[in-house]
């Protein structure tokens, strides 16, 4: 006596399809990196030496600059070079220094307060942002980065939108600000990581001139 083969019902196929889709979705969710809070990431301060390209656009004018940020054992440094010259900001424990060299001129360094110097940190903007929204993670400068968008408190007719990306351990990899006045875009600044090292050169925190030198 032969075995009778019945037809597979459409209902069974639908249920099987739903179960497979649910399994795939569950696997996708479990393998994705959950994006943490922006302030949680920004609060981390790992040793690093990062180089950035900065592009500033205002109307028909576009300028570029190089920015370097370093941090090691509680010390921090920020160096910038553009057609306006060079600047270097160094924080060494409880002391801070601002140094500047206009084009063709020598360096001059001045001691400033640590509080004043800390305002120039790349991550200061994070704690001023409003309406923060997570964005799609990106790989920037070879580094996996969490990203967020938001805005800054309006100043009269001026408003600003911000997008920032950071590595999971808190190094900024991209920072974009767009400033508008009465709804018209007047300035856009974009800073993008070009290289990142986890070891800092020994001379990174060296002052280019003695404080108060002529």
Protein backbone atom coordinates (compact mmCIF):
# COMPACT_ATOMS: atom_id res chain seq x y z
CA UNK A 1 0.00 0.00 0.00
CA UNK A 2 1.59 3.35 -1.07
CA UNK A 3 2.18 6.29 1.24
CA UNK A 4 -0.10 9.22 0.53
CA UNK A 5 1.62 12.55 0.37
CA UNK A 6 -0.47 15.54 1.31
CA UNK A 7 0.00 19.08 0.17
CA UNK A 8 1.68 21.59 2.49
CA UNK A 9 -0.91 24.20 3.34
CA UNK A 10 -0.36 27.88 2.67
CA UNK A 11 -0.91 28.55 6.39
CA UNK A 12 2.04 26.34 7.35
CA UNK A 13 4.29 28.14 4.86
CA UNK A 14 3.27 31.54 6.22
CA UNK A 15 3.98 30.50 9.82
CA UNK A 16 7.37 29.09 8.82
CA UNK A 17 8.21 32.29 6.98
CA UNK A 18 7.28 34.40 10.01
CA UNK A 19 9.45 32.27 12.32
CA UNK A 20 12.45 32.54 9.98
CA UNK A 21 12.04 36.32 9.65
CA UNK A 22 11.76 36.68 13.43
CA UNK A 23 14.94 34.64 13.93
CA UNK A 24 16.86 36.76 11.43
CA UNK A 25 15.63 39.99 13.05
CA UNK A 26 16.57 38.74 16.53
CA UNK A 27 20.06 37.82 15.33
CA UNK A 28 20.47 41.26 13.70
CA UNK A 29 19.44 43.06 16.88
CA UNK A 30 21.73 40.98 19.09
CA UNK A 31 24.75 41.57 16.86
CA UNK A 32 24.34 45.34 16.60
CA UNK A 33 26.23 47.66 18.93
CA UNK A 34 23.81 49.55 21.14
CA UNK A 35 24.54 53.26 20.92
CA UNK A 36 25.27 54.68 24.40
CA UNK A 37 24.39 58.13 25.69
CA UNK A 38 26.40 60.96 24.12
CA UNK A 39 27.54 62.38 27.46
CA UNK A 40 28.59 58.92 28.64
CA UNK A 41 30.93 58.61 25.64
CA UNK A 42 32.18 62.20 25.86
CA UNK A 43 33.11 61.74 29.53
CA UNK A 44 35.81 59.21 28.63
CA UNK A 45 39.36 60.53 28.28
CA UNK A 46 41.79 57.99 26.85
CA UNK A 47 45.38 58.74 25.87
CA UNK A 48 45.53 59.60 22.17
CA UNK A 49 47.13 61.72 19.46
CA UNK A 50 44.63 62.77 16.79
CA UNK A 51 45.08 64.82 13.62
CA UNK A 52 42.17 66.54 11.87
CA UNK A 53 41.45 68.45 8.70
CA UNK A 54 39.25 71.49 9.31
CA UNK A 55 37.27 73.18 6.54
CA UNK A 56 35.49 76.48 7.14
CA UNK A 57 33.03 77.82 4.57
CA UNK A 58 31.48 81.29 4.81
CA UNK A 59 29.70 82.52 1.70
CA UNK A 60 32.12 82.21 -1.23
CA UNK A 61 35.14 81.94 1.09
CA UNK A 62 36.58 78.58 2.06
CA UNK A 63 39.57 78.04 4.32
CA UNK A 64 41.31 74.93 5.62
CA UNK A 65 43.43 74.25 8.67
CA UNK A 66 45.15 71.39 10.46
CA UNK A 67 44.22 70.60 14.04
CA UNK A 68 46.02 68.24 16.42
CA UNK A 69 44.68 67.08 19.77
CA UNK A 70 46.64 65.04 22.32
CA UNK A 71 45.86 63.70 25.78
CA UNK A 72 48.05 61.71 28.16
CA UNK A 73 48.06 61.17 31.93
CA UNK A 74 45.86 64.19 32.67
CA UNK A 75 47.74 66.49 30.27
CA UNK A 76 46.16 67.82 27.10
CA UNK A 77 47.26 69.77 24.04
CA UNK A 78 45.58 71.36 21.06
CA UNK A 79 47.57 72.70 18.12
CA UNK A 80 46.23 74.48 15.04
CA UNK A 81 47.88 75.71 11.86
CA UNK A 82 46.25 77.85 9.16
CA UNK A 83 47.02 80.85 6.96
CA UNK A 84 46.54 82.93 10.12
CA UNK A 85 49.55 81.31 11.78
CA UNK A 86 49.92 78.69 14.49
CA UNK A 87 48.44 78.31 17.97
CA UNK A 88 49.06 75.81 20.75
CA UNK A 89 47.05 75.32 23.92
CA UNK A 90 48.60 73.15 26.63
CA UNK A 91 47.17 72.03 29.98
CA UNK A 92 49.69 70.59 32.42
CA UNK A 93 47.88 69.60 35.60
CA UNK A 94 46.96 72.81 37.41
CA UNK A 95 48.61 75.11 34.86
CA UNK A 96 47.64 76.05 31.32
CA UNK A 97 49.33 78.00 28.53
CA UNK A 98 48.21 79.62 25.30
CA UNK A 99 50.89 80.09 22.62
CA UNK A 100 50.64 81.85 19.28
CA UNK A 101 52.90 82.48 16.29
CA UNK A 102 51.55 84.77 13.53
CA UNK A 103 52.86 84.03 10.01
CA UNK A 104 56.60 84.75 9.90
CA UNK A 105 56.78 85.67 13.60
CA UNK A 106 58.15 83.94 16.69
CA UNK A 107 56.12 82.05 19.24
CA UNK A 108 54.82 83.82 22.33
CA UNK A 109 53.28 81.94 25.28
CA UNK A 110 51.05 83.22 28.06
CA UNK A 111 49.83 81.42 31.17
CA UNK A 112 46.04 81.26 31.40
CA UNK A 113 43.61 79.62 33.80
CA UNK A 114 42.85 75.91 33.44
CA UNK A 115 39.12 76.73 33.43
CA UNK A 116 39.61 79.10 30.51
CA UNK A 117 41.71 76.57 28.59
CA UNK A 118 39.23 73.74 29.16
CA UNK A 119 36.56 75.69 27.26
CA UNK A 120 38.40 74.96 24.03
CA UNK A 121 38.07 71.19 24.37
CA UNK A 122 36.51 69.59 21.29
CA UNK A 123 33.93 67.87 23.49
CA UNK A 124 32.76 71.01 25.30
CA UNK A 125 30.07 71.41 22.65
CA UNK A 126 28.51 68.09 23.67
CA UNK A 127 27.34 69.48 26.99
CA UNK A 128 25.73 72.48 25.27
CA UNK A 129 23.77 70.49 22.68
CA UNK A 130 19.98 70.35 22.72
CA UNK A 131 17.51 68.03 20.96
CA UNK A 132 20.19 65.34 20.65
CA UNK A 133 19.33 62.49 18.28
CA UNK A 134 21.41 59.35 17.59
CA UNK A 135 22.59 59.06 13.98
CA UNK A 136 23.85 56.09 11.99
CA UNK A 137 27.32 54.97 13.17
CA UNK A 138 30.15 55.54 10.69
CA UNK A 139 33.76 54.58 10.13
CA UNK A 140 35.78 57.81 10.06
CA UNK A 141 39.54 57.92 9.71
CA UNK A 142 39.53 54.16 10.09
CA UNK A 143 37.72 54.37 13.45
CA UNK A 144 34.25 53.00 14.23
CA UNK A 145 32.28 55.99 15.51
CA UNK A 146 28.98 56.68 17.21
CA UNK A 147 27.26 59.80 15.84
CA UNK A 148 24.67 62.27 17.09
CA UNK A 149 22.90 65.34 15.75
CA UNK A 150 21.49 68.29 17.65
CA UNK A 151 21.42 72.05 17.99
CA UNK A 152 22.89 74.79 20.15
CA UNK A 153 20.82 77.30 22.14
CA UNK A 154 19.83 80.17 19.78
CA UNK A 155 21.55 83.53 20.17
CA UNK A 156 19.09 86.16 18.97
CA UNK A 157 18.52 85.55 15.25
CA UNK A 158 21.44 83.12 15.09
CA UNK A 159 21.00 79.37 15.42
CA UNK A 160 23.35 76.43 14.95
CA UNK A 161 23.00 72.76 14.10
CA UNK A 162 25.64 70.29 15.23
CA UNK A 163 26.68 66.78 14.22
CA UNK A 164 29.39 64.99 16.18
CA UNK A 165 30.94 61.53 16.01
CA UNK A 166 33.17 59.83 18.59
CA UNK A 167 34.92 56.52 19.00
CA UNK A 168 33.43 54.26 21.70
CA UNK A 169 36.19 55.46 24.06
CA UNK A 170 35.47 59.14 23.51
CA UNK A 171 37.81 60.47 20.81
CA UNK A 172 36.08 62.93 18.47
CA UNK A 173 36.27 61.78 14.84
CA UNK A 174 34.00 64.33 13.15
CA UNK A 175 32.42 67.61 14.17
CA UNK A 176 30.19 69.74 11.95
CA UNK A 177 28.51 73.03 12.85
CA UNK A 178 26.19 75.03 10.61
CA UNK A 179 25.34 78.55 11.71
CA UNK A 180 22.30 80.35 10.35
CA UNK A 181 21.09 83.90 10.84
CA UNK A 182 17.39 84.45 10.23
CA UNK A 183 17.33 81.06 8.52
CA UNK A 184 20.20 81.83 6.10
CA UNK A 185 23.35 79.70 6.24
CA UNK A 186 26.30 82.00 7.01
CA UNK A 187 29.02 79.57 8.10
CA UNK A 188 29.76 75.87 8.03
CA UNK A 189 32.71 74.26 9.81
CA UNK A 190 33.66 70.61 9.39
CA UNK A 191 36.43 68.83 11.26
CA UNK A 192 37.31 65.29 10.19
CA UNK A 193 39.81 62.86 11.70
CA UNK A 194 42.66 61.93 9.34
CA UNK A 195 44.85 59.89 11.69
CA UNK A 196 44.72 58.56 15.24
CA UNK A 197 47.43 57.05 17.42
CA UNK A 198 47.12 55.68 20.95
CA UNK A 199 50.68 56.67 21.84
CA UNK A 200 51.63 60.32 22.25
CA UNK A 201 54.99 61.79 21.07
CA UNK A 202 57.21 62.86 24.00
CA UNK A 203 57.34 66.50 22.83
CA UNK A 204 53.58 66.90 22.33
CA UNK A 205 53.17 68.96 25.51
CA UNK A 206 56.36 70.99 25.15
CA UNK A 207 55.84 74.76 25.03
CA UNK A 208 57.30 76.39 21.89
CA UNK A 209 58.51 79.39 23.96
CA UNK A 210 58.97 80.33 27.59
CA UNK A 211 55.82 81.83 29.14
CA UNK A 212 55.94 85.61 29.05
CA UNK A 213 58.83 85.65 26.57
CA UNK A 214 58.91 88.62 24.16
